[in-house]
Amino acid sequence: MILSMTLEIWQFIIILLLVLIIAAIATFFITRKIFANQLKKNPPVSEAMIRAMMTQMGRTPSEKQVRAVMRSMEDEKTKEERAKKAAKNK
C-alpha cells in the first residue's frame, strides 16, 4: 500500500507562515542573546576608560581633554551612521 500525502494550497501556506513566524521569533531571541554577550565582552568606551588609557600612556588627563576625546568618538560614530544611511538611500 502506497502512502500518499497531499496538501492543499491553503494548508501549505499556513504551514509556511507558521514556520516563518517561528523562525523569526527564534532569530530575534538568538540575536538578542549574542548582542548582549558582545556588549559584556566589549563594553562601550566611557570617560573613566579614556582617563585610564591616558594615565597609562603617562599623561595626566584634564577634563577638557577627556571631553574632547569623547566628542571626537561621538562625531566619528555619527559620520559612520550618516555614511551608512547615504549608502542605503542610493
Protein backbone atom coordinates (compact mmCIF):
# COMPACT_ATOMS: atom_id res chain seq x y z
CA MET A 1 0.00 0.00 0.00
CA ILE A 2 1.42 3.32 -1.05
CA LEU A 3 1.05 6.11 1.48
CA SER A 4 0.14 9.27 -0.31
CA MET A 5 0.22 12.66 1.42
CA THR A 6 -1.15 15.61 -0.42
CA LEU A 7 -1.50 19.12 0.90
CA GLU A 8 -3.97 21.66 -0.23
CA ILE A 9 -2.55 25.02 -1.18
CA TRP A 10 -4.11 26.74 1.85
CA GLN A 11 -2.59 24.10 4.17
CA PHE A 12 0.84 24.66 2.63
CA ILE A 13 0.54 28.44 3.05
CA ILE A 14 -0.49 28.13 6.71
CA ILE A 15 2.39 25.75 7.46
CA LEU A 16 4.82 28.03 5.64
CA LEU A 17 3.64 31.09 7.59
CA LEU A 18 3.90 29.26 10.91
CA VAL A 19 7.44 28.13 10.11
CA LEU A 20 8.43 31.67 9.10
CA ILE A 21 6.95 33.17 12.28
CA ILE A 22 8.68 30.61 14.49
CA ALA A 23 11.98 31.21 12.67
CA ALA A 24 11.64 34.99 13.08
CA ILE A 25 10.97 34.67 16.82
CA ALA A 26 13.88 32.28 17.29
CA THR A 27 16.19 34.57 15.30
CA PHE A 28 15.18 37.56 17.42
CA PHE A 29 15.99 35.83 20.71
CA ILE A 30 19.24 34.31 19.43
CA THR A 31 20.40 37.66 18.06
CA ARG A 32 19.48 39.44 21.31
CA LYS A 33 21.48 36.88 23.32
CA ILE A 34 24.53 37.23 21.04
CA PHE A 35 24.31 41.05 21.19
CA ALA A 36 24.14 41.02 25.00
CA ASN A 37 27.19 38.73 25.16
CA GLN A 38 29.13 41.04 22.81
CA LEU A 39 28.30 44.05 24.99
CA LYS A 40 29.56 42.19 28.06
CA LYS A 41 32.82 41.28 26.31
CA ASN A 42 33.31 44.68 24.63
CA PRO A 43 31.57 47.41 26.64
CA PRO A 44 31.22 50.89 25.14
CA VAL A 45 34.03 53.33 25.93
CA SER A 46 33.35 55.57 28.91
CA GLU A 47 35.09 58.65 30.27
CA ALA A 48 36.68 56.56 33.01
CA MET A 49 38.23 54.26 30.40
CA ILE A 50 39.63 57.24 28.49
CA ARG A 51 41.13 58.63 31.70
CA ALA A 52 42.70 55.24 32.46
CA MET A 53 44.16 54.96 28.95
CA MET A 54 45.63 58.45 29.10
CA THR A 55 47.10 57.75 32.54
CA GLN A 56 48.65 54.51 31.26
CA MET A 57 50.26 56.49 28.44
CA GLY A 58 51.88 58.75 31.02
CA ARG A 59 49.58 61.75 30.61
CA THR A 60 47.53 63.37 33.32
CA PRO A 61 44.23 63.99 31.54
CA SER A 62 42.31 67.15 32.15
CA GLU A 63 38.52 67.18 31.98
CA LYS A 64 38.75 69.19 28.75
CA GLN A 65 40.94 66.53 27.10
CA VAL A 66 38.62 63.72 28.17
CA ARG A 67 35.58 65.57 26.85
CA ALA A 68 37.38 66.29 23.57
CA VAL A 69 38.18 62.60 23.07
CA MET A 70 34.58 61.62 23.88
CA ARG A 71 33.26 64.25 21.47
CA SER A 72 35.59 63.09 18.69
CA MET A 73 34.47 59.49 19.19
CA GLU A 74 30.80 60.53 19.05
CA ASP A 75 31.47 62.61 15.93
CA GLU A 76 33.12 59.63 14.25
CA LYS A 77 30.16 57.45 15.16
CA THR A 78 27.69 59.92 13.64
CA LYS A 79 29.82 60.15 10.48
CA GLU A 80 29.69 56.38 10.09
CA GLU A 81 25.93 56.35 10.65
CA ARG A 82 25.43 59.08 8.05
CA ALA A 83 27.60 57.19 5.56
CA LYS A 84 25.54 54.03 6.13
CA LYS A 85 22.29 55.94 5.63
CA ALA A 86 23.63 57.58 2.49
CA ALA A 87 24.73 54.23 1.09
CA LYS A 88 21.37 52.75 1.97
CA ASN A 89 19.45 55.53 0.22
CA LYS A 90 21.39 55.17 -3.03
